[in-house]
Amino acid sequence: MIGRFGGDEFAVIMSGTPAESAITAMLRVHEGLNTLRLPNTPQVTLRISVGVAPLNPQMSHYREWLKSADLALYKAKKAGRNRTKWRPDVRRKSSGFAEFF
C-alpha cells in the first residue's frame, strides 16, 4: 500500500515482507528514478531518501513504528540524501534520542 503521508513524504507498507526484501525494493526504486528522464526537463534527476523500519511486535502503538521509520529517514538524509537506511531496533537509544516511550 502506498500513500501520501504529508508534504513531500510518502509511506509504503509492505505487509508480510522481510526488511531485507523491502530494502531491495526501495533500492530498485532508487535505480528507476535515477534513470528516469522527463521529456520537458531531461536535465532533472529525481532522487529520494528512504527510511525502512520493520514492524516490531514489542511496539505498543503504530506511532512507535512511524517514529522508527522517521529516524531511519533522518539517518538517510544525514548520510548524504538519495539513500535507503534501515532502523531495525527502535528501542535502542542512539544519538541522544530519548525516544518516545
C-alpha atoms as a PDB file:
ATOM      1  CA  MET A   1       0.000   0.000   0.000  1.00  0.00           C
ATOM      2  CA  ILE A   2       1.370   3.420  -0.956  1.00  0.00           C
ATOM      3  CA  GLY A   3       0.010   6.717   0.307  1.00  0.00           C
ATOM      4  CA  ARG A   4       0.943  10.315   0.818  1.00  0.00           C
ATOM      5  CA  PHE A   5       1.921  10.791   4.434  1.00  0.00           C
ATOM      6  CA  GLY A   6       2.284  14.552   4.437  1.00  0.00           C
ATOM      7  CA  GLY A   7       4.043  17.269   2.493  1.00  0.00           C
ATOM      8  CA  ASP A   8       6.574  15.540   0.288  1.00  0.00           C
ATOM      9  CA  GLU A   9       6.593  12.327   2.326  1.00  0.00           C
ATOM     10  CA  PHE A  10       5.003   9.051   1.301  1.00  0.00           C
ATOM     11  CA  ALA A  11       4.555   5.803   3.191  1.00  0.00           C
ATOM     12  CA  VAL A  12       4.890   2.357   1.655  1.00  0.00           C
ATOM     13  CA  ILE A  13       3.515  -0.524   3.706  1.00  0.00           C
ATOM     14  CA  MET A  14       4.763  -3.903   2.523  1.00  0.00           C
ATOM     15  CA  SER A  15       2.762  -6.332   4.619  1.00  0.00           C
ATOM     16  CA  GLY A  16       4.429  -9.709   5.162  1.00  0.00           C
ATOM     17  CA  THR A  17       7.674  -8.553   3.544  1.00  0.00           C
ATOM     18  CA  PRO A  18      11.009  -9.164   5.294  1.00  0.00           C
ATOM     19  CA  ALA A  19      13.031  -5.980   5.911  1.00  0.00           C
ATOM     20  CA  GLU A  20      15.775  -7.136   3.535  1.00  0.00           C
ATOM     21  CA  SER A  21      13.235  -7.506   0.717  1.00  0.00           C
ATOM     22  CA  ALA A  22      11.797  -4.067   1.482  1.00  0.00           C
ATOM     23  CA  ILE A  23      15.279  -2.560   1.274  1.00  0.00           C
ATOM     24  CA  THR A  24      15.899  -4.328  -2.047  1.00  0.00           C
ATOM     25  CA  ALA A  25      12.594  -2.975  -3.382  1.00  0.00           C
ATOM     26  CA  MET A  26      13.487   0.576  -2.347  1.00  0.00           C
ATOM     27  CA  LEU A  27      16.923   0.253  -3.981  1.00  0.00           C
ATOM     28  CA  ARG A  28      15.129  -0.694  -7.203  1.00  0.00           C
ATOM     29  CA  VAL A  29      13.032   2.462  -6.850  1.00  0.00           C
ATOM     30  CA  HIS A  30      16.273   4.468  -6.491  1.00  0.00           C
ATOM     31  CA  GLU A  31      17.635   2.898  -9.684  1.00  0.00           C
ATOM     32  CA  GLY A  32      14.414   3.567 -11.568  1.00  0.00           C
ATOM     33  CA  LEU A  33      14.306   7.212 -10.531  1.00  0.00           C
ATOM     34  CA  ASN A  34      17.982   7.746 -11.379  1.00  0.00           C
ATOM     35  CA  THR A  35      17.384   6.618 -14.964  1.00  0.00           C
ATOM     36  CA  LEU A  36      14.002   8.320 -15.418  1.00  0.00           C
ATOM     37  CA  ARG A  37      14.060  11.445 -17.601  1.00  0.00           C
ATOM     38  CA  LEU A  38      11.066  13.704 -18.037  1.00  0.00           C
ATOM     39  CA  PRO A  39      10.583  14.956 -21.615  1.00  0.00           C
ATOM     40  CA  ASN A  40      10.244  18.646 -20.702  1.00  0.00           C
ATOM     41  CA  THR A  41      13.106  18.650 -18.175  1.00  0.00           C
ATOM     42  CA  PRO A  42      15.644  15.964 -19.172  1.00  0.00           C
ATOM     43  CA  GLN A  43      18.342  17.618 -17.046  1.00  0.00           C
ATOM     44  CA  VAL A  44      16.369  16.965 -13.838  1.00  0.00           C
ATOM     45  CA  THR A  45      17.253  13.843 -11.874  1.00  0.00           C
ATOM     46  CA  LEU A  46      14.703  12.597  -9.363  1.00  0.00           C
ATOM     47  CA  ARG A  47      16.071  11.464  -6.016  1.00  0.00           C
ATOM     48  CA  ILE A  48      14.585  10.068  -2.824  1.00  0.00           C
ATOM     49  CA  SER A  49      15.679   9.315   0.702  1.00  0.00           C
ATOM     50  CA  VAL A  50      14.054   6.282   2.309  1.00  0.00           C
ATOM     51  CA  GLY A  51      13.750   5.089   5.885  1.00  0.00           C
ATOM     52  CA  VAL A  52      12.841   1.425   6.331  1.00  0.00           C
ATOM     53  CA  ALA A  53      11.500   0.205   9.668  1.00  0.00           C
ATOM     54  CA  PRO A  54      10.090  -3.260  10.299  1.00  0.00           C
ATOM     55  CA  LEU A  55       7.006  -3.528  12.462  1.00  0.00           C
ATOM     56  CA  ASN A  56       8.196  -4.894  15.788  1.00  0.00           C
ATOM     57  CA  PRO A  57       5.741  -6.892  17.946  1.00  0.00           C
ATOM     58  CA  GLN A  58       7.082  -5.038  21.015  1.00  0.00           C
ATOM     59  CA  MET A  59       5.716  -1.761  19.673  1.00  0.00           C
ATOM     60  CA  SER A  60       2.558  -0.888  21.544  1.00  0.00           C
ATOM     61  CA  HIS A  61       1.352   1.789  19.138  1.00  0.00           C
ATOM     62  CA  TYR A  62       1.688   2.459  15.408  1.00  0.00           C
ATOM     63  CA  ARG A  63       3.287   5.826  16.233  1.00  0.00           C
ATOM     64  CA  GLU A  64       6.363   3.976  17.501  1.00  0.00           C
ATOM     65  CA  TRP A  65       6.702   2.299  14.113  1.00  0.00           C
ATOM     66  CA  LEU A  66       6.290   5.618  12.283  1.00  0.00           C
ATOM     67  CA  LYS A  67       8.871   7.227  14.574  1.00  0.00           C
ATOM     68  CA  SER A  68      11.269   4.390  13.788  1.00  0.00           C
ATOM     69  CA  ALA A  69      10.798   4.946  10.050  1.00  0.00           C
ATOM     70  CA  ASP A  70      11.226   8.691  10.525  1.00  0.00           C
ATOM     71  CA  LEU A  71      14.516   8.160  12.386  1.00  0.00           C
ATOM     72  CA  ALA A  72      15.726   5.904   9.562  1.00  0.00           C
ATOM     73  CA  LEU A  73      14.749   8.588   7.041  1.00  0.00           C
ATOM     74  CA  TYR A  74      16.681  11.206   9.039  1.00  0.00           C
ATOM     75  CA  LYS A  75      19.665   8.846   9.023  1.00  0.00           C
ATOM     76  CA  ALA A  76      19.430   8.548   5.210  1.00  0.00           C
ATOM     77  CA  LYS A  77      19.267  12.315   4.757  1.00  0.00           C
ATOM     78  CA  LYS A  78      22.145  12.891   7.169  1.00  0.00           C
ATOM     79  CA  ALA A  79      24.269  10.332   5.275  1.00  0.00           C
ATOM     80  CA  GLY A  80      24.010  12.402   2.110  1.00  0.00           C
ATOM     81  CA  ARG A  81      20.444  12.000   0.871  1.00  0.00           C
ATOM     82  CA  ASN A  82      19.304   9.830  -2.038  1.00  0.00           C
ATOM     83  CA  ARG A  83      19.808   6.752   0.157  1.00  0.00           C
ATOM     84  CA  THR A  84      17.891   3.999   1.866  1.00  0.00           C
ATOM     85  CA  LYS A  85      18.576   3.364   5.551  1.00  0.00           C
ATOM     86  CA  TRP A  86      17.169   0.732   7.860  1.00  0.00           C
ATOM     87  CA  ARG A  87      16.235   1.169  11.512  1.00  0.00           C
ATOM     88  CA  PRO A  88      15.997  -2.370  12.882  1.00  0.00           C
ATOM     89  CA  ASP A  89      15.709  -1.713  16.614  1.00  0.00           C
ATOM     90  CA  VAL A  90      13.562   1.195  17.675  1.00  0.00           C
ATOM     91  CA  ARG A  91      14.184   0.581  21.372  1.00  0.00           C
ATOM     92  CA  ARG A  92      17.947   1.037  21.147  1.00  0.00           C
ATOM     93  CA  LYS A  93      18.914   4.537  22.256  1.00  0.00           C
ATOM     94  CA  SER A  94      21.303   6.362  19.939  1.00  0.00           C
ATOM     95  CA  SER A  95      22.462   9.882  19.177  1.00  0.00           C
ATOM     96  CA  GLY A  96      20.922  11.137  22.395  1.00  0.00           C
ATOM     97  CA  PHE A  97      17.356  10.359  21.349  1.00  0.00           C
ATOM     98  CA  ALA A  98      15.296   9.642  24.445  1.00  0.00           C
ATOM     99  CA  GLU A  99      12.894   8.034  22.011  1.00  0.00           C
ATOM    100  CA  PHE A 100       9.190   8.255  22.566  1.00  0.00           C
ATOM    101  CA  PHE A 101       8.393   5.974  25.477  1.00  0.00           C
END
